[in-house]
Amino acid sequence: MRKEKLSSLCKVSNGFAFKSDDYVSHGYRVMRITNVQKGLVVDNAPKFIPQEIADKANGFKLGTGDILISLTGNVGRVGVIQPQHLPAVLNQRVGLIRPSSEEINEKYLFQYLNSDNFEREAIKNSNGVAQLNLSSKWIESHEIPLPTLNDQIRIAHLLGKVEGLLAQRKQHLQQLDDLLKSVFLEMFGPTSPDYEIWPLVEIRELAAKHKGAMRTGPFGSNLLHSEFTSEGDVAVLGIDNAVQNRFAWGERRFISNEKYQELQSYRIFSGDVIVTIMGTIGRSAVIPDDIPVAINTKHLAAITLNREVANPLFLSYSIHSSPFVLTQFASKNRGAIMSGLNLGIIKETKIKRPPIGLQNRFAEIHARVDQLKSRYQKSLADLEVLYGVLSQNAFKGELDLLRVSLPKEVTQPMPVDAPMPSAEVITPTELVRQLVQSAEPLARDVLLAQWFRRYLANTPPATGLRSAQMLEDAWQALQTAPLHAEVEEEEDESPMLSLADYDVLKALVFKALDAGELLQTFDDDRNRVALTSQSAEWGTW
């Protein structure tokens, strides 16, 4: 396959060194290293400069489709500027790669630059020890495989489809995590009906009564890094096992059985709650039932609970998601340079103790959602393998691209068998029922917004309440409908809402909020958040 240097196909440039005192509260976004993540540009901690300064740095203004690449730190990561990022300018240590030749397809270029192979090459050719730095000169001299333009389009289309599925799976997992947190706060937050009568206790009162029920790992010379091995008899747990607020195997560390005999008092058991107390503090997870023999490091606190008064999942979520607990941690943070907690702070932290039956009910909900998460995670892992193989073969010229059709810009026709809302007035319950009864994924994905708009348009507003109230009523109906992992048929009139429908509707509302089509306000009379809109897209005023 023919190869060409990027300099002959693209314009490669560095950003501008804007001064910190140039920043203002609004204006042109300054795209910095923190905004470039793997495969996308994000709006992390946005910084802005006024238009007059941006005009002076006119050569650093960005446009839709511009590819950004990180040149410092996590070098080689790329993302694409989208319309919502504009107007924007490029900051120093971020590179700009802009196609300048008709021989290169911009989507193919992005897919190549976003490949793991290119990122590995960028890291390998960077300078620096404590922090890597990538030169724009190396980018310009890097050779990119260049098949015919039609084959570039085919490759970009194929990889883009898999990439879209990957993004969808990751979004589903994040939405499920958000759902669990929302359920937790609804069940145990200040708005819970019995919140005021629940006893206020210290976390130490929830621990088992035996000695060492609350403990940290061995300190100092009791356990040295040099004693860790990549294989062994006893696992050693650290921050990486809890940093995601769920238990996950990170770097595998082990000690010998002989060493474990000295450290048996630090053993971790299934159902223990672990808490990060150094670095990224306050992250928490529950030890799974299938844990092998293991101990914790000094960077974790471990709590064995009295199961008659506390469920491990309830305590873990309280530690990482309860504003009441997080505020106490923040006020007692002892770290001068690095955030830090200690066991004494955790023991004294106060928490509302709801009945154990309610805690166990949350654990049951968590288990049901976890089943769905496991399916999504398996699908995500399979897709990542598929993407890696396709990407590697595509850029080696080893794909049979004749089997990949050129994409066509077409609009999906409405399926003739897709149920449509009645022209008559429909209720929120009927809206949910129609959505759930639709078996066609295309109907759910493509027609969902139309359903919602038809519902809003066909429902007459109450006196003084317009489309905002209709949307709020529909949303309240979705939130209060029974939530099932799968759609179930029932004889009664209760709507059965699947998690897929919940996620899609939730994303639809949040997308409208992000786009400014809907606004959140607080209804003092009803003591809750309300949604307001002036957009015809969401109904008629």
Protein backbone atom coordinates (compact mmCIF):
# COMPACT_ATOMS: atom_id res chain seq x y z
CA MET A 1 0.00 0.00 0.00
CA ARG A 2 1.21 3.48 -0.87
CA LYS A 3 2.39 5.69 2.01
CA GLU A 4 2.70 9.48 2.26
CA LYS A 5 4.14 11.83 4.87
CA LEU A 6 1.48 13.70 6.81
CA SER A 7 3.16 16.99 5.86
CA SER A 8 2.18 16.41 2.20
CA LEU A 9 -1.47 15.80 3.11
CA CYS A 10 -2.13 18.03 6.14
CA LYS A 11 -1.22 21.27 7.80
CA VAL A 12 0.33 20.54 11.21
CA SER A 13 0.71 23.41 13.70
CA ASN A 14 1.13 24.15 17.40
CA GLY A 15 -1.09 26.24 19.64
CA PHE A 16 -0.61 29.70 21.12
CA ALA A 17 0.69 30.50 24.61
CA PHE A 18 -2.23 32.46 26.05
CA LYS A 19 -1.60 34.17 29.37
CA SER A 20 -3.52 33.17 32.46
CA ASP A 21 -4.67 36.76 33.00
CA ASP A 22 -6.25 36.68 29.52
CA TYR A 23 -8.96 34.31 30.76
CA VAL A 24 -12.50 35.61 31.20
CA SER A 25 -15.86 34.06 32.13
CA HIS A 26 -17.06 33.66 28.53
CA GLY A 27 -15.89 34.13 24.96
CA TYR A 28 -13.68 31.87 22.82
CA ARG A 29 -12.94 28.46 24.38
CA VAL A 30 -9.25 27.74 24.87
CA MET A 31 -8.61 24.13 23.90
CA ARG A 32 -5.92 22.75 26.21
CA ILE A 33 -4.31 19.38 26.91
CA THR A 34 -7.06 18.52 29.39
CA ASN A 35 -9.67 18.88 26.63
CA VAL A 36 -8.13 16.17 24.41
CA GLN A 37 -9.00 12.63 25.41
CA LYS A 38 -8.84 9.34 23.57
CA GLY A 39 -11.00 9.82 20.49
CA LEU A 40 -12.82 12.99 21.47
CA VAL A 41 -12.62 16.59 22.62
CA VAL A 42 -14.29 17.23 25.98
CA ASP A 43 -15.33 20.38 27.77
CA ASN A 44 -13.38 19.76 30.99
CA ALA A 45 -12.97 22.89 33.13
CA PRO A 46 -13.44 25.26 30.17
CA LYS A 47 -11.31 28.40 29.92
CA PHE A 48 -12.24 31.39 27.77
CA ILE A 49 -10.56 34.44 26.23
CA PRO A 50 -12.29 37.58 24.91
CA GLN A 51 -12.89 38.03 21.18
CA GLU A 52 -10.34 40.83 20.82
CA ILE A 53 -7.52 38.55 22.00
CA ALA A 54 -8.80 35.71 19.80
CA ASP A 55 -8.79 38.07 16.81
CA LYS A 56 -5.12 38.88 17.44
CA ALA A 57 -4.41 35.14 17.44
CA ASN A 58 -6.49 34.61 14.31
CA GLY A 59 -4.23 31.85 12.99
CA PHE A 60 -5.09 29.74 16.04
CA LYS A 61 -8.87 29.79 15.63
CA LEU A 62 -10.44 26.36 15.24
CA GLY A 63 -13.23 25.04 13.03
CA THR A 64 -15.56 22.07 12.93
CA GLY A 65 -13.69 18.89 11.95
CA ASP A 66 -10.25 20.09 13.06
CA ILE A 67 -8.24 17.27 14.62
CA LEU A 68 -6.44 18.07 17.87
CA ILE A 69 -3.52 16.00 19.19
CA SER A 70 -1.95 16.13 22.65
CA LEU A 71 1.77 16.94 22.53
CA THR A 72 2.54 16.72 26.26
CA GLY A 73 1.73 14.13 28.91
CA ASN A 74 -0.62 11.59 27.33
CA VAL A 75 0.90 12.21 23.92
CA GLY A 76 -0.72 11.01 20.73
CA ARG A 77 -4.34 11.26 21.86
CA VAL A 78 -6.60 12.86 19.29
CA GLY A 79 -10.07 14.35 19.19
CA VAL A 80 -12.22 16.25 16.71
CA ILE A 81 -13.68 19.74 17.17
CA GLN A 82 -17.49 19.67 17.05
CA PRO A 83 -19.85 22.63 16.48
CA GLN A 84 -20.70 22.81 20.21
CA HIS A 85 -17.03 23.55 21.00
CA LEU A 86 -16.96 26.71 18.89
CA PRO A 87 -15.86 29.45 18.86
CA ALA A 88 -12.52 28.14 20.07
CA VAL A 89 -8.77 28.74 19.84
CA LEU A 90 -5.80 26.39 20.21
CA ASN A 91 -3.57 26.53 23.28
CA GLN A 92 0.13 25.63 23.44
CA ARG A 93 1.21 21.97 23.63
CA VAL A 94 -1.86 20.96 21.67
CA GLY A 95 -1.30 20.26 17.98
CA LEU A 96 -3.67 20.90 15.09
CA ILE A 97 -3.84 18.49 12.13
CA ARG A 98 -5.96 19.92 9.32
CA PRO A 99 -6.26 18.11 5.94
CA SER A 100 -4.90 20.22 3.06
CA SER A 101 -5.04 17.70 0.19
CA GLU A 102 -7.95 16.16 -1.68
CA GLU A 103 -6.11 12.83 -1.52
CA ILE A 104 -6.98 12.33 2.15
CA ASN A 105 -10.43 11.73 3.60
CA GLU A 106 -10.75 13.55 6.93
CA LYS A 107 -12.67 10.69 8.60
CA TYR A 108 -10.07 8.17 7.44
CA LEU A 109 -7.33 10.46 8.75
CA PHE A 110 -9.00 10.64 12.15
CA GLN A 111 -9.46 6.87 12.35
CA TYR A 112 -5.79 6.34 11.59
CA LEU A 113 -4.60 8.93 14.10
CA ASN A 114 -6.96 7.52 16.71
CA SER A 115 -5.60 3.98 16.31
CA ASP A 116 -3.66 2.34 19.12
CA ASN A 117 -0.77 1.74 16.75
CA PHE A 118 -0.34 5.46 15.99
CA GLU A 119 -0.56 6.34 19.68
CA ARG A 120 2.13 3.75 20.51
CA GLU A 121 4.36 5.19 17.78
CA ALA A 122 3.83 8.71 19.13
CA ILE A 123 4.79 7.61 22.65
CA LYS A 124 7.85 5.75 21.37
CA ASN A 125 9.06 8.83 19.48
CA SER A 126 8.47 11.32 22.33
CA ASN A 127 11.13 12.87 24.54
CA GLY A 128 11.17 13.36 28.29
CA VAL A 129 11.18 11.22 31.41
CA ALA A 130 8.84 12.72 34.00
CA GLN A 131 6.58 14.04 31.22
CA LEU A 132 6.57 13.01 27.57
CA ASN A 133 6.69 15.64 24.83
CA LEU A 134 5.86 14.99 21.19
CA SER A 135 7.26 17.17 18.41
CA SER A 136 5.03 18.45 15.61
CA LYS A 137 8.01 17.79 13.32
CA TRP A 138 7.70 14.07 14.02
CA ILE A 139 3.99 14.21 13.15
CA GLU A 140 4.78 15.91 9.85
CA SER A 141 7.40 13.28 8.96
CA HIS A 142 5.20 10.33 9.96
CA GLU A 143 4.05 8.25 7.00
CA ILE A 144 0.40 7.26 6.74
CA PRO A 145 -0.90 4.39 4.57
CA LEU A 146 -2.90 5.89 1.72
CA PRO A 147 -5.29 3.60 -0.15
CA THR A 148 -7.61 4.97 -2.83
CA LEU A 149 -10.06 7.64 -1.72
CA ASN A 150 -13.02 5.26 -2.00
CA ASP A 151 -11.22 2.68 0.14
CA GLN A 152 -10.41 5.38 2.70
CA ILE A 153 -14.12 6.17 2.89
CA ARG A 154 -14.97 2.48 3.27
CA ILE A 155 -12.41 2.02 6.08
CA ALA A 156 -13.59 5.14 7.90
CA HIS A 157 -17.23 4.06 7.56
CA LEU A 158 -16.55 0.54 8.83
CA LEU A 159 -14.44 1.61 11.80
CA GLY A 160 -16.82 4.46 12.54
CA LYS A 161 -19.73 2.05 12.88
CA VAL A 162 -17.83 -0.10 15.39
CA GLU A 163 -16.62 3.02 17.18
CA GLY A 164 -20.22 4.21 17.45
CA LEU A 165 -21.22 0.92 19.06
CA LEU A 166 -18.30 1.23 21.48
CA ALA A 167 -19.40 4.74 22.46
CA GLN A 168 -22.97 3.53 22.87
CA ARG A 169 -21.93 0.69 25.18
CA LYS A 170 -19.80 3.05 27.29
CA GLN A 171 -22.69 5.49 27.50
CA HIS A 172 -25.03 2.70 28.59
CA LEU A 173 -22.62 1.69 31.36
CA GLN A 174 -22.31 5.29 32.54
CA GLN A 175 -26.07 5.74 32.48
CA LEU A 176 -26.54 2.61 34.56
CA ASP A 177 -24.03 3.95 37.11
CA ASP A 178 -25.88 7.29 37.12
CA LEU A 179 -29.17 5.45 37.55
CA LEU A 180 -27.91 3.56 40.61
CA LYS A 181 -26.59 6.76 42.17
CA SER A 182 -29.92 8.49 41.53
CA VAL A 183 -31.82 5.59 43.07
CA PHE A 184 -29.53 5.67 46.12
CA LEU A 185 -30.01 9.41 46.65
CA GLU A 186 -33.75 9.10 46.17
CA MET A 187 -34.03 6.27 48.70
CA PHE A 188 -31.62 7.62 51.32
CA GLY A 189 -31.24 11.36 50.70
CA PRO A 190 -32.90 14.20 52.65
CA THR A 191 -36.02 13.99 50.45
CA SER A 192 -36.73 10.43 51.59
CA PRO A 193 -40.00 10.41 53.60
CA ASP A 194 -38.49 9.00 56.81
CA TYR A 195 -35.07 10.67 56.59
CA GLU A 196 -35.62 12.88 59.65
CA ILE A 197 -36.52 10.00 61.95
CA TRP A 198 -33.59 7.77 61.00
CA PRO A 199 -30.92 7.70 63.76
CA LEU A 200 -27.69 9.63 63.15
CA VAL A 201 -24.75 7.32 63.91
CA GLU A 202 -21.00 7.18 63.38
CA ILE A 203 -19.65 4.69 60.85
CA ARG A 204 -17.85 2.83 63.67
CA GLU A 205 -21.30 1.89 65.03
CA LEU A 206 -22.01 -0.05 61.81
CA ALA A 207 -18.87 -2.19 62.06
CA ALA A 208 -18.77 -5.72 63.42
CA LYS A 209 -17.98 -5.93 67.12
CA HIS A 210 -14.79 -7.99 66.86
CA LYS A 211 -11.31 -6.50 67.07
CA GLY A 212 -9.92 -5.22 63.77
CA ALA A 213 -13.32 -4.80 62.11
CA MET A 214 -12.05 -1.39 60.92
CA ARG A 215 -8.42 -1.44 59.82
CA THR A 216 -5.85 -0.08 57.41
CA GLY A 217 -3.04 -2.04 55.78
CA PRO A 218 0.46 -2.67 57.12
CA PHE A 219 2.75 0.36 57.36
CA GLY A 220 6.45 0.97 56.96
CA SER A 221 8.79 -1.99 56.82
CA ASN A 222 5.97 -4.46 57.51
CA LEU A 223 5.24 -4.61 53.77
CA LEU A 224 7.66 -3.29 51.14
CA HIS A 225 7.05 -2.84 47.42
CA SER A 226 10.06 -5.03 46.80
CA GLU A 227 8.13 -7.92 48.35
CA PHE A 228 5.37 -7.76 45.71
CA THR A 229 5.37 -10.30 42.92
CA SER A 230 3.27 -10.63 39.74
CA GLU A 231 2.22 -14.14 40.81
CA GLY A 232 1.84 -15.65 44.22
CA ASP A 233 -0.31 -17.11 46.95
CA VAL A 234 -2.01 -14.03 48.42
CA ALA A 235 -3.36 -10.99 46.55
CA VAL A 236 -2.63 -7.43 47.73
CA LEU A 237 -5.37 -4.82 47.16
CA GLY A 238 -4.70 -1.12 46.65
CA ILE A 239 -6.26 2.13 45.41
CA ASP A 240 -6.68 0.78 41.87
CA ASN A 241 -9.11 -1.86 43.13
CA ALA A 242 -11.60 0.76 44.41
CA VAL A 243 -10.90 3.93 42.42
CA GLN A 244 -13.87 3.28 40.06
CA ASN A 245 -16.27 3.08 43.04
CA ARG A 246 -16.70 -0.60 42.27
CA PHE A 247 -14.32 -3.48 42.82
CA ALA A 248 -12.07 -4.07 39.81
CA TRP A 249 -8.82 -5.92 39.36
CA GLY A 250 -6.09 -3.46 38.42
CA GLU A 251 -2.39 -4.19 38.66
CA ARG A 252 -1.99 -7.68 40.06
CA ARG A 253 0.18 -7.80 43.20
CA PHE A 254 0.92 -10.80 45.38
CA ILE A 255 2.91 -11.83 48.42
CA SER A 256 4.10 -15.26 49.44
CA ASN A 257 2.18 -17.42 51.88
CA GLU A 258 5.13 -17.11 54.29
CA LYS A 259 4.76 -13.30 54.29
CA TYR A 260 1.02 -13.62 54.72
CA GLN A 261 1.53 -15.50 57.98
CA GLU A 262 2.95 -12.24 59.40
CA LEU A 263 0.05 -10.13 58.07
CA GLN A 264 -3.06 -12.25 58.66
CA SER A 265 -4.71 -9.49 60.69
CA TYR A 266 -4.98 -7.43 57.48
CA ARG A 267 -6.95 -10.06 55.58
CA ILE A 268 -9.81 -8.86 53.38
CA PHE A 269 -13.10 -10.81 53.37
CA SER A 270 -16.02 -10.92 50.95
CA GLY A 271 -18.54 -8.22 51.79
CA ASP A 272 -15.93 -5.91 53.34
CA VAL A 273 -16.13 -2.25 52.33
CA ILE A 274 -12.82 -0.75 51.21
CA VAL A 275 -12.14 3.01 51.12
CA THR A 276 -9.25 4.87 49.48
CA ILE A 277 -7.49 7.03 52.06
CA MET A 278 -4.52 8.38 50.08
CA GLY A 279 -4.34 10.20 46.75
CA THR A 280 -7.84 9.94 45.29
CA ILE A 281 -9.64 9.75 48.62
CA GLY A 282 -13.15 8.63 49.44
CA ARG A 283 -13.57 6.09 46.65
CA SER A 284 -15.25 2.95 47.88
CA ALA A 285 -16.14 -0.57 46.78
CA VAL A 286 -17.53 -3.81 48.16
CA ILE A 287 -15.32 -6.91 48.08
CA PRO A 288 -16.98 -9.60 45.90
CA ASP A 289 -17.87 -13.08 47.06
CA ASP A 290 -15.24 -14.77 44.89
CA ILE A 291 -12.27 -12.88 46.34
CA PRO A 292 -9.20 -15.09 46.87
CA VAL A 293 -7.11 -14.82 50.01
CA ALA A 294 -6.06 -11.14 50.07
CA ILE A 295 -4.82 -8.29 52.25
CA ASN A 296 -5.04 -4.52 51.79
CA THR A 297 -2.23 -1.97 51.53
CA LYS A 298 -1.81 1.09 53.73
CA HIS A 299 -3.66 3.16 51.10
CA LEU A 300 -6.96 1.45 51.89
CA ALA A 301 -9.20 1.28 54.92
CA ALA A 302 -11.25 -1.89 55.26
CA ILE A 303 -14.53 -2.24 57.18
CA THR A 304 -16.20 -5.52 58.16
CA LEU A 305 -19.83 -4.69 58.91
CA ASN A 306 -22.44 -5.87 61.34
CA ARG A 307 -24.87 -7.16 58.70
CA GLU A 308 -27.81 -6.84 61.08
CA VAL A 309 -27.61 -3.04 60.90
CA ALA A 310 -25.71 -2.23 57.69
CA ASN A 311 -25.59 -3.53 54.15
CA PRO A 312 -22.14 -3.19 52.49
CA LEU A 313 -23.54 -1.61 49.31
CA PHE A 314 -25.47 0.97 51.32
CA LEU A 315 -22.33 2.00 53.22
CA SER A 316 -20.14 2.01 50.11
CA TYR A 317 -22.57 4.28 48.23
CA SER A 318 -22.89 6.50 51.29
CA ILE A 319 -19.11 6.95 51.34
CA HIS A 320 -18.65 7.80 47.66
CA SER A 321 -22.00 9.44 46.78
CA SER A 322 -23.70 10.92 49.85
CA PRO A 323 -23.21 14.73 49.92
CA PHE A 324 -23.55 14.58 53.72
CA VAL A 325 -20.58 12.20 54.03
CA LEU A 326 -18.48 13.87 51.33
CA THR A 327 -18.85 17.24 53.05
CA GLN A 328 -17.49 15.74 56.27
CA PHE A 329 -14.53 14.22 54.43
CA ALA A 330 -13.73 17.54 52.76
CA SER A 331 -13.83 19.44 56.05
CA LYS A 332 -11.45 16.97 57.73
CA ASN A 333 -9.01 16.42 54.87
CA ARG A 334 -5.57 16.20 56.48
CA GLY A 335 -3.44 16.16 53.31
CA ALA A 336 -1.14 19.15 52.84
CA ILE A 337 0.08 18.24 49.34
CA MET A 338 -1.90 15.09 48.60
CA SER A 339 -5.45 14.47 49.76
CA GLY A 340 -5.59 12.07 52.65
CA LEU A 341 -7.97 10.51 55.16
CA ASN A 342 -7.23 8.34 58.14
CA LEU A 343 -9.10 5.60 59.95
CA GLY A 344 -10.05 7.93 62.80
CA ILE A 345 -11.84 10.32 60.43
CA ILE A 346 -13.77 7.46 58.83
CA LYS A 347 -14.79 6.03 62.22
CA GLU A 348 -16.14 9.41 63.39
CA THR A 349 -17.97 10.24 60.16
CA LYS A 350 -21.70 10.53 60.80
CA ILE A 351 -24.34 8.86 58.68
CA LYS A 352 -28.10 8.41 58.72
CA ARG A 353 -28.95 4.75 59.38
CA PRO A 354 -32.13 3.66 57.58
CA PRO A 355 -33.80 0.31 58.37
CA ILE A 356 -31.80 -2.70 57.18
CA GLY A 357 -34.75 -3.83 55.09
CA LEU A 358 -34.58 -0.65 53.01
CA GLN A 359 -30.79 -1.03 52.64
CA ASN A 360 -31.25 -4.61 51.43
CA ARG A 361 -33.86 -3.45 48.95
CA PHE A 362 -31.31 -1.09 47.39
CA ALA A 363 -28.86 -4.01 47.21
CA GLU A 364 -31.46 -6.03 45.28
CA ILE A 365 -31.95 -3.19 42.78
CA HIS A 366 -28.17 -2.93 42.48
CA ALA A 367 -27.89 -6.66 41.74
CA ARG A 368 -30.50 -6.46 38.97
CA VAL A 369 -28.77 -3.51 37.33
CA ASP A 370 -25.41 -5.27 37.72
CA GLN A 371 -26.73 -8.12 35.59
CA LEU A 372 -27.35 -5.68 32.77
CA LYS A 373 -23.96 -4.05 33.31
CA SER A 374 -22.28 -7.43 32.97
CA ARG A 375 -23.94 -7.92 29.59
CA TYR A 376 -22.88 -4.46 28.43
CA GLN A 377 -19.32 -4.97 29.70
CA LYS A 378 -19.04 -8.30 27.86
CA SER A 379 -20.36 -6.65 24.70
CA LEU A 380 -17.93 -3.75 25.17
CA ALA A 381 -14.95 -6.11 25.54
CA ASP A 382 -15.96 -8.01 22.40
CA LEU A 383 -16.35 -4.77 20.43
CA GLU A 384 -12.95 -3.49 21.58
CA VAL A 385 -11.31 -6.68 20.31
CA LEU A 386 -13.20 -6.38 17.03
CA TYR A 387 -12.23 -2.73 16.60
CA GLY A 388 -8.58 -3.47 17.30
CA VAL A 389 -8.43 -6.29 14.75
CA LEU A 390 -10.30 -4.33 12.07
CA SER A 391 -8.17 -1.23 12.63
CA GLN A 392 -4.90 -3.12 12.47
CA ASN A 393 -5.88 -5.02 9.33
CA ALA A 394 -7.37 -1.96 7.64
CA PHE A 395 -4.19 0.10 7.87
CA LYS A 396 -2.08 -2.85 6.73
CA GLY A 397 -4.23 -3.22 3.62
CA GLU A 398 -5.43 -6.67 4.70
CA LEU A 399 -9.20 -6.05 4.68
CA ASP A 400 -11.39 -7.22 1.81
CA LEU A 401 -12.87 -3.77 1.21
CA LEU A 402 -14.87 -4.92 -1.81
CA ARG A 403 -17.31 -6.39 0.71
CA VAL A 404 -17.77 -2.98 2.36
CA SER A 405 -20.30 -0.79 0.56
CA LEU A 406 -19.70 2.91 0.18
CA PRO A 407 -21.93 4.73 2.67
CA LYS A 408 -24.87 6.64 1.29
CA GLU A 409 -26.48 9.69 2.83
CA VAL A 410 -30.00 8.38 3.29
CA THR A 411 -32.76 9.04 5.77
CA GLN A 412 -34.26 6.01 7.44
CA PRO A 413 -37.84 5.43 6.27
CA MET A 414 -40.44 5.05 8.94
CA PRO A 415 -41.13 1.32 9.46
CA VAL A 416 -44.64 0.55 8.26
CA ASP A 417 -45.28 -1.72 11.23
CA ALA A 418 -43.99 0.73 13.86
CA PRO A 419 -46.81 1.70 16.23
CA MET A 420 -47.50 5.41 16.16
CA PRO A 421 -49.18 7.53 18.80
CA SER A 422 -52.86 8.05 18.33
CA ALA A 423 -53.98 11.41 16.99
CA GLU A 424 -56.11 11.58 20.09
CA VAL A 425 -54.88 12.84 23.42
CA ILE A 426 -52.62 10.25 25.08
CA THR A 427 -51.51 10.01 28.68
CA PRO A 428 -47.93 9.57 29.96
CA THR A 429 -48.82 5.99 30.85
CA GLU A 430 -49.97 5.29 27.29
CA LEU A 431 -46.80 6.92 25.93
CA VAL A 432 -44.67 4.55 28.02
CA ARG A 433 -46.79 1.56 26.98
CA GLN A 434 -46.41 2.37 23.28
CA LEU A 435 -42.65 2.75 23.63
CA VAL A 436 -42.24 -0.51 25.47
CA GLN A 437 -44.48 -2.44 23.08
CA SER A 438 -42.34 -1.39 20.13
CA ALA A 439 -40.09 -4.36 19.42
CA GLU A 440 -38.16 -2.65 16.63
CA PRO A 441 -34.89 -1.05 17.86
CA LEU A 442 -35.06 1.28 14.86
CA ALA A 443 -38.48 2.47 15.98
CA ARG A 444 -37.17 3.22 19.44
CA ASP A 445 -34.02 4.97 18.29
CA VAL A 446 -35.29 6.87 15.27
CA LEU A 447 -38.88 7.64 16.22
CA LEU A 448 -38.47 8.29 19.94
CA ALA A 449 -38.17 12.05 19.61
CA GLN A 450 -41.15 12.08 17.24
CA TRP A 451 -43.23 10.14 19.76
CA PHE A 452 -42.35 12.57 22.49
CA ARG A 453 -43.13 15.62 20.33
CA ARG A 454 -46.41 14.08 19.17
CA TYR A 455 -47.33 13.39 22.75
CA LEU A 456 -46.61 16.97 23.74
CA ALA A 457 -48.43 18.38 20.73
CA ASN A 458 -51.52 16.19 21.27
CA THR A 459 -51.86 16.88 24.99
CA PRO A 460 -53.68 20.12 25.83
CA PRO A 461 -51.89 22.13 28.54
CA ALA A 462 -53.55 22.76 31.87
CA THR A 463 -54.40 26.34 32.73
CA GLY A 464 -51.21 28.35 32.98
CA LEU A 465 -49.05 25.29 32.29
CA ARG A 466 -47.66 24.73 28.80
CA SER A 467 -45.28 22.24 27.19
CA ALA A 468 -42.87 22.38 30.10
CA GLN A 469 -45.47 20.92 32.44
CA MET A 470 -46.41 18.25 29.92
CA LEU A 471 -42.78 17.22 29.64
CA GLU A 472 -42.40 17.19 33.40
CA ASP A 473 -45.53 15.03 33.77
CA ALA A 474 -44.24 12.59 31.16
CA TRP A 475 -40.85 12.48 32.85
CA GLN A 476 -42.43 11.92 36.26
CA ALA A 477 -44.43 9.04 34.77
CA LEU A 478 -41.23 7.49 33.45
CA GLN A 479 -39.50 7.85 36.80
CA THR A 480 -42.35 6.26 38.75
CA ALA A 481 -43.08 3.43 36.31
CA PRO A 482 -41.88 -0.04 37.43
CA LEU A 483 -38.34 -0.60 36.20
CA HIS A 484 -37.60 -4.02 34.73
CA ALA A 485 -34.50 -5.41 33.11
CA GLU A 486 -36.69 -6.94 30.42
CA VAL A 487 -40.12 -5.96 29.14
CA GLU A 488 -42.75 -8.07 30.84
CA GLU A 489 -46.37 -8.65 29.97
CA GLU A 490 -48.77 -8.06 32.83
CA GLU A 491 -52.50 -8.32 33.03
CA ASP A 492 -52.89 -5.12 34.97
CA GLU A 493 -52.56 -1.61 33.63
CA SER A 494 -49.11 -0.83 35.09
CA PRO A 495 -46.66 0.29 32.38
CA MET A 496 -43.50 -1.81 32.18
CA LEU A 497 -40.48 0.33 31.35
CA SER A 498 -37.28 -1.40 30.24
CA LEU A 499 -33.88 -0.01 31.14
CA ALA A 500 -33.16 0.59 27.46
CA ASP A 501 -36.23 2.85 27.18
CA TYR A 502 -35.36 4.60 30.42
CA ASP A 503 -31.82 5.31 29.20
CA VAL A 504 -32.94 6.63 25.82
CA LEU A 505 -35.64 8.90 27.23
CA LYS A 506 -33.29 10.15 29.92
CA ALA A 507 -30.64 10.90 27.29
CA LEU A 508 -33.24 12.72 25.17
CA VAL A 509 -34.18 15.06 28.00
CA PHE A 510 -30.55 15.68 29.02
CA LYS A 511 -29.60 16.37 25.41
CA ALA A 512 -32.33 19.00 25.23
CA LEU A 513 -31.07 20.52 28.48
CA ASP A 514 -27.49 20.64 27.18
CA ALA A 515 -28.63 22.25 23.94
CA GLY A 516 -30.58 24.93 25.81
CA GLU A 517 -33.93 23.74 24.42
CA LEU A 518 -35.06 23.02 27.97
CA LEU A 519 -34.20 24.92 31.13
CA GLN A 520 -34.30 23.74 34.73
CA THR A 521 -36.02 26.02 37.21
CA PHE A 522 -37.29 25.51 40.75
CA ASP A 523 -41.03 25.47 41.36
CA ASP A 524 -41.39 26.90 44.88
CA ASP A 525 -45.09 26.03 45.10
CA ARG A 526 -44.50 22.36 44.31
CA ASN A 527 -41.04 22.24 45.96
CA ARG A 528 -39.30 20.49 43.08
CA VAL A 529 -37.32 21.10 39.91
CA ALA A 530 -39.43 22.01 36.86
CA LEU A 531 -38.57 22.12 33.15
CA THR A 532 -39.33 25.15 30.98
CA SER A 533 -39.00 25.62 27.24
CA GLN A 534 -39.73 28.08 24.48
CA SER A 535 -38.71 25.70 21.71
CA ALA A 536 -41.34 24.53 19.26
CA GLU A 537 -39.44 21.25 19.13
CA TRP A 538 -40.82 20.38 22.56
CA GLY A 539 -44.41 21.46 22.08
CA THR A 540 -46.57 24.53 21.44
CA TRP A 541 -46.77 27.42 23.89
